């Protein structure tokens, strides 16, 4: 989400002519990304990442799972072999990589 300061700095306006079909498509894509049409056009034009709402929810769940695994199998976990701790950490890293890939960032 952008801050109010960034929002206030947007002083320029530009009118775009669309066909009815083009506008419907753009609105649908903006809705899928969970942003306004203006924000959608800005992000596409400036090549900023756009993440669908469903992907945002998946990213949050992946990160939550990673945090739970860290908590359960972290440094203070007792009764685990070093190999088991490495396996748990590998799962955390895989979840993090998947979340970053969905967010459009390099893992």
N, C-alpha and C. Protein backbone atom coordinates (compact mmCIF):
# COMPACT_ATOMS: atom_id res chain seq x y z
N UNK A 1 0.84 -1.17 0.00
CA UNK A 1 0.00 0.00 0.00
C UNK A 1 0.89 1.24 0.00
N UNK A 2 0.47 2.25 -0.71
CA UNK A 2 1.30 3.44 -0.77
C UNK A 2 0.94 4.41 0.35
N UNK A 3 1.88 5.26 0.69
CA UNK A 3 1.65 6.21 1.77
C UNK A 3 0.87 7.41 1.26
N UNK A 4 0.36 8.19 2.19
CA UNK A 4 -0.39 9.39 1.81
C UNK A 4 0.52 10.40 1.11
N UNK A 5 1.78 10.44 1.51
CA UNK A 5 2.71 11.38 0.88
C UNK A 5 2.85 11.06 -0.60
N UNK A 6 3.03 9.78 -0.93
CA UNK A 6 3.13 9.39 -2.33
C UNK A 6 1.85 9.73 -3.07
N UNK A 7 0.71 9.53 -2.42
CA UNK A 7 -0.57 9.79 -3.05
C UNK A 7 -0.72 11.28 -3.34
N UNK A 8 -0.29 12.13 -2.42
CA UNK A 8 -0.41 13.57 -2.62
C UNK A 8 0.49 14.07 -3.74
N UNK A 9 1.57 13.38 -4.02
CA UNK A 9 2.49 13.81 -5.06
C UNK A 9 1.95 13.56 -6.47
N UNK A 10 0.86 12.86 -6.58
CA UNK A 10 0.28 12.56 -7.89
C UNK A 10 -0.63 13.72 -8.29
N UNK A 11 -0.05 14.69 -8.97
CA UNK A 11 -0.80 15.89 -9.33
C UNK A 11 -1.18 15.95 -10.80
N UNK A 12 -0.55 15.14 -11.61
CA UNK A 12 -0.79 15.18 -13.05
C UNK A 12 -1.92 14.22 -13.43
N UNK A 13 -2.72 14.63 -14.41
CA UNK A 13 -3.81 13.79 -14.90
C UNK A 13 -3.62 13.56 -16.39
N UNK A 14 -4.10 12.42 -16.85
CA UNK A 14 -4.00 12.09 -18.27
C UNK A 14 -5.25 11.31 -18.65
N UNK A 15 -5.88 11.73 -19.70
CA UNK A 15 -7.10 11.06 -20.16
C UNK A 15 -6.74 10.01 -21.20
N UNK A 16 -7.33 8.85 -21.07
CA UNK A 16 -7.07 7.75 -22.01
C UNK A 16 -8.38 7.40 -22.70
N UNK A 17 -8.31 7.21 -24.00
CA UNK A 17 -9.48 6.75 -24.74
C UNK A 17 -9.40 5.24 -24.85
N UNK A 18 -10.47 4.57 -24.49
CA UNK A 18 -10.56 3.12 -24.51
C UNK A 18 -11.75 2.70 -25.35
N UNK A 19 -11.68 1.53 -25.92
CA UNK A 19 -12.90 0.92 -26.44
C UNK A 19 -13.59 0.32 -25.21
N UNK A 20 -14.86 0.03 -25.33
CA UNK A 20 -15.59 -0.56 -24.20
C UNK A 20 -14.95 -1.88 -23.78
N UNK A 21 -14.52 -2.66 -24.76
CA UNK A 21 -13.89 -3.96 -24.47
C UNK A 21 -12.55 -3.77 -23.76
N UNK A 22 -11.73 -2.83 -24.24
CA UNK A 22 -10.42 -2.59 -23.62
C UNK A 22 -10.58 -2.14 -22.17
N UNK A 23 -11.53 -1.24 -21.94
CA UNK A 23 -11.76 -0.74 -20.59
C UNK A 23 -12.23 -1.86 -19.67
N UNK A 24 -13.11 -2.71 -20.16
CA UNK A 24 -13.59 -3.84 -19.35
C UNK A 24 -12.44 -4.77 -18.99
N UNK A 25 -11.57 -5.04 -19.95
CA UNK A 25 -10.42 -5.91 -19.70
C UNK A 25 -9.49 -5.28 -18.67
N UNK A 26 -9.18 -4.00 -18.84
CA UNK A 26 -8.28 -3.31 -17.90
C UNK A 26 -8.87 -3.29 -16.50
N UNK A 27 -10.17 -3.02 -16.39
CA UNK A 27 -10.82 -3.00 -15.07
C UNK A 27 -10.78 -4.39 -14.43
N UNK A 28 -10.99 -5.42 -15.23
CA UNK A 28 -10.97 -6.79 -14.70
C UNK A 28 -9.57 -7.13 -14.17
N UNK A 29 -8.54 -6.75 -14.93
CA UNK A 29 -7.16 -7.01 -14.48
C UNK A 29 -6.83 -6.22 -13.21
N UNK A 30 -7.28 -4.97 -13.16
CA UNK A 30 -7.04 -4.15 -11.96
C UNK A 30 -7.73 -4.78 -10.75
N UNK A 31 -8.95 -5.25 -10.95
CA UNK A 31 -9.69 -5.87 -9.86
C UNK A 31 -8.99 -7.15 -9.39
N UNK A 32 -8.51 -7.94 -10.34
CA UNK A 32 -7.80 -9.18 -9.98
C UNK A 32 -6.54 -8.87 -9.17
N UNK A 33 -5.91 -7.74 -9.46
CA UNK A 33 -4.70 -7.34 -8.73
C UNK A 33 -5.03 -6.63 -7.43
N UNK A 34 -6.31 -6.28 -7.24
CA UNK A 34 -6.71 -5.62 -6.01
C UNK A 34 -6.31 -4.16 -5.94
N UNK A 35 -6.20 -3.50 -7.10
CA UNK A 35 -5.83 -2.09 -7.14
C UNK A 35 -6.83 -1.33 -8.01
N UNK A 36 -6.80 -0.01 -7.90
CA UNK A 36 -7.67 0.81 -8.75
C UNK A 36 -7.17 0.75 -10.19
N UNK A 37 -8.02 1.17 -11.11
CA UNK A 37 -7.61 1.20 -12.51
C UNK A 37 -6.42 2.14 -12.70
N UNK A 38 -6.44 3.29 -12.04
CA UNK A 38 -5.32 4.23 -12.15
C UNK A 38 -4.02 3.60 -11.67
N UNK A 39 -4.09 2.93 -10.52
CA UNK A 39 -2.89 2.28 -9.97
C UNK A 39 -2.42 1.16 -10.89
N UNK A 40 -3.36 0.43 -11.45
CA UNK A 40 -3.01 -0.64 -12.38
C UNK A 40 -2.25 -0.08 -13.59
N UNK A 41 -2.77 0.98 -14.19
CA UNK A 41 -2.13 1.58 -15.36
C UNK A 41 -0.75 2.12 -14.99
N UNK A 42 -0.64 2.78 -13.82
CA UNK A 42 0.67 3.29 -13.37
C UNK A 42 1.68 2.17 -13.22
N UNK A 43 1.27 1.09 -12.57
CA UNK A 43 2.20 -0.02 -12.34
C UNK A 43 2.62 -0.69 -13.64
N UNK A 44 1.68 -0.89 -14.54
CA UNK A 44 2.02 -1.52 -15.82
C UNK A 44 2.95 -0.60 -16.60
N UNK A 45 2.64 0.69 -16.63
CA UNK A 45 3.44 1.64 -17.40
C UNK A 45 4.85 1.80 -16.85
N UNK A 46 5.00 1.66 -15.53
CA UNK A 46 6.32 1.83 -14.91
C UNK A 46 6.98 0.49 -14.58
N UNK A 47 6.38 -0.58 -15.07
CA UNK A 47 6.91 -1.94 -14.91
C UNK A 47 7.12 -2.32 -13.44
N UNK A 48 6.22 -1.88 -12.60
CA UNK A 48 6.24 -2.28 -11.20
C UNK A 48 5.47 -3.59 -11.06
N UNK A 49 5.79 -4.38 -10.06
CA UNK A 49 5.11 -5.68 -9.93
C UNK A 49 3.63 -5.54 -9.61
N UNK A 50 2.86 -6.42 -10.19
CA UNK A 50 1.43 -6.55 -9.92
C UNK A 50 1.20 -7.97 -9.43
N UNK A 51 0.62 -8.10 -8.27
CA UNK A 51 0.38 -9.42 -7.71
C UNK A 51 -1.13 -9.57 -7.48
N UNK A 52 -1.71 -10.61 -8.03
CA UNK A 52 -3.14 -10.85 -7.87
C UNK A 52 -3.50 -11.03 -6.40
N UNK A 53 -4.73 -10.65 -6.04
CA UNK A 53 -5.17 -10.80 -4.66
C UNK A 53 -5.03 -12.23 -4.17
N UNK A 54 -5.39 -13.18 -5.02
CA UNK A 54 -5.28 -14.59 -4.61
C UNK A 54 -3.82 -14.96 -4.35
N UNK A 55 -2.91 -14.41 -5.15
CA UNK A 55 -1.48 -14.67 -4.92
C UNK A 55 -1.01 -14.01 -3.64
N UNK A 56 -1.54 -12.81 -3.34
CA UNK A 56 -1.17 -12.13 -2.10
C UNK A 56 -1.57 -12.96 -0.89
N UNK A 57 -2.76 -13.58 -0.97
CA UNK A 57 -3.22 -14.43 0.12
C UNK A 57 -2.34 -15.67 0.24
N UNK A 58 -1.97 -16.24 -0.89
CA UNK A 58 -1.10 -17.42 -0.89
C UNK A 58 0.27 -17.08 -0.32
N UNK A 59 0.80 -15.93 -0.71
CA UNK A 59 2.09 -15.47 -0.19
C UNK A 59 2.04 -15.34 1.33
N UNK A 60 0.96 -14.74 1.83
CA UNK A 60 0.82 -14.57 3.28
C UNK A 60 0.77 -15.93 3.98
N UNK A 61 0.06 -16.89 3.41
CA UNK A 61 -0.02 -18.22 4.01
C UNK A 61 1.34 -18.93 3.98
N UNK A 62 2.06 -18.81 2.86
CA UNK A 62 3.38 -19.44 2.77
C UNK A 62 4.32 -18.87 3.83
N UNK A 63 4.27 -17.55 4.00
CA UNK A 63 5.14 -16.91 5.00
C UNK A 63 4.73 -17.32 6.42
N UNK A 64 3.43 -17.45 6.63
CA UNK A 64 2.95 -17.88 7.95
C UNK A 64 3.42 -19.30 8.25
N UNK A 65 3.32 -20.18 7.27
CA UNK A 65 3.80 -21.56 7.46
C UNK A 65 5.29 -21.59 7.75
N UNK A 66 6.04 -20.78 7.01
CA UNK A 66 7.49 -20.71 7.24
C UNK A 66 7.80 -20.25 8.66
N UNK A 67 7.05 -19.26 9.14
CA UNK A 67 7.25 -18.78 10.50
C UNK A 67 6.93 -19.84 11.54
N UNK A 68 5.85 -20.59 11.30
CA UNK A 68 5.49 -21.66 12.24
C UNK A 68 6.55 -22.75 12.28
N UNK A 69 7.07 -23.10 11.11
CA UNK A 69 8.11 -24.14 11.06
C UNK A 69 9.37 -23.65 11.77
N UNK A 70 9.73 -22.38 11.55
CA UNK A 70 10.89 -21.82 12.25
C UNK A 70 10.69 -21.90 13.76
N UNK A 71 9.47 -21.57 14.19
CA UNK A 71 9.18 -21.59 15.62
C UNK A 71 9.26 -23.01 16.19
N UNK A 72 8.69 -23.96 15.47
CA UNK A 72 8.66 -25.34 15.97
C UNK A 72 10.01 -26.04 15.90
N UNK A 73 10.77 -25.76 14.85
CA UNK A 73 12.01 -26.50 14.62
C UNK A 73 13.24 -25.61 14.67
N UNK A 74 13.13 -24.48 15.33
CA UNK A 74 14.23 -23.54 15.39
C UNK A 74 15.36 -23.99 16.30
N UNK A 75 16.21 -23.05 16.62
CA UNK A 75 17.40 -23.32 17.43
C UNK A 75 17.07 -23.94 18.79
N UNK A 76 15.95 -23.56 19.37
CA UNK A 76 15.61 -24.03 20.71
C UNK A 76 14.88 -25.37 20.71
N UNK A 77 14.58 -25.89 19.55
CA UNK A 77 13.86 -27.16 19.47
C UNK A 77 14.73 -28.26 20.06
N UNK A 78 14.14 -29.05 20.91
CA UNK A 78 14.89 -30.14 21.55
C UNK A 78 14.45 -31.47 20.96
N UNK A 79 15.33 -32.42 21.04
CA UNK A 79 15.01 -33.76 20.58
C UNK A 79 15.13 -33.95 19.08
N UNK A 80 15.66 -32.97 18.39
CA UNK A 80 15.84 -33.09 16.94
C UNK A 80 17.31 -33.28 16.61
N UNK A 81 17.56 -34.09 15.64
CA UNK A 81 18.94 -34.27 15.18
C UNK A 81 19.30 -33.09 14.29
N UNK A 82 20.58 -32.84 14.10
CA UNK A 82 20.98 -31.78 13.17
C UNK A 82 20.41 -32.00 11.77
N UNK A 83 20.31 -33.24 11.34
CA UNK A 83 19.75 -33.54 10.01
C UNK A 83 18.28 -33.14 9.94
N UNK A 84 17.53 -33.39 11.00
CA UNK A 84 16.11 -33.01 11.03
C UNK A 84 15.95 -31.50 11.01
N UNK A 85 16.83 -30.81 11.73
CA UNK A 85 16.79 -29.34 11.72
C UNK A 85 17.11 -28.80 10.33
N UNK A 86 18.08 -29.43 9.65
CA UNK A 86 18.41 -29.00 8.28
C UNK A 86 17.23 -29.21 7.34
N UNK A 87 16.53 -30.34 7.51
CA UNK A 87 15.36 -30.61 6.68
C UNK A 87 14.28 -29.56 6.92
N UNK A 88 14.05 -29.21 8.17
CA UNK A 88 13.04 -28.19 8.49
C UNK A 88 13.44 -26.86 7.88
N UNK A 89 14.72 -26.51 7.99
CA UNK A 89 15.19 -25.25 7.42
C UNK A 89 15.06 -25.25 5.90
N UNK A 90 15.28 -26.39 5.26
CA UNK A 90 15.12 -26.49 3.81
C UNK A 90 13.67 -26.23 3.41
N UNK A 91 12.73 -26.69 4.23
CA UNK A 91 11.31 -26.43 3.96
C UNK A 91 11.03 -24.93 4.09
N UNK A 92 11.57 -24.30 5.13
CA UNK A 92 11.39 -22.86 5.32
C UNK A 92 11.93 -22.10 4.10
N UNK A 93 13.11 -22.48 3.64
CA UNK A 93 13.70 -21.81 2.47
C UNK A 93 12.87 -22.03 1.22
N UNK A 94 12.31 -23.23 1.05
CA UNK A 94 11.47 -23.51 -0.11
C UNK A 94 10.18 -22.69 -0.06
N UNK A 95 9.58 -22.56 1.12
CA UNK A 95 8.38 -21.73 1.26
C UNK A 95 8.69 -20.27 0.95
N UNK A 96 9.83 -19.79 1.44
CA UNK A 96 10.24 -18.41 1.18
C UNK A 96 10.47 -18.18 -0.32
N UNK A 97 11.12 -19.13 -0.97
CA UNK A 97 11.37 -19.01 -2.41
C UNK A 97 10.06 -19.00 -3.19
N UNK A 98 9.11 -19.82 -2.78
CA UNK A 98 7.81 -19.86 -3.45
C UNK A 98 7.07 -18.54 -3.26
N UNK A 99 7.12 -17.98 -2.06
CA UNK A 99 6.46 -16.70 -1.80
C UNK A 99 7.08 -15.59 -2.63
N UNK A 100 8.40 -15.57 -2.71
CA UNK A 100 9.09 -14.54 -3.51
C UNK A 100 8.78 -14.70 -4.99
N UNK A 101 8.70 -15.93 -5.47
CA UNK A 101 8.39 -16.17 -6.88
C UNK A 101 6.98 -15.66 -7.20
N UNK A 102 6.03 -15.90 -6.31
CA UNK A 102 4.67 -15.41 -6.53
C UNK A 102 4.61 -13.89 -6.50
N UNK A 103 5.45 -13.30 -5.67
CA UNK A 103 5.48 -11.84 -5.56
C UNK A 103 6.24 -11.19 -6.71
N UNK A 104 6.85 -12.01 -7.56
CA UNK A 104 7.58 -11.47 -8.70
C UNK A 104 8.98 -11.03 -8.39
N UNK A 105 9.52 -11.50 -7.26
CA UNK A 105 10.90 -11.17 -6.90
C UNK A 105 11.75 -12.40 -7.06
N UNK A 106 13.03 -12.17 -7.23
CA UNK A 106 13.95 -13.30 -7.35
C UNK A 106 14.14 -13.94 -5.98
N UNK A 107 14.07 -15.28 -5.92
CA UNK A 107 14.25 -15.96 -4.63
C UNK A 107 15.66 -15.82 -4.09
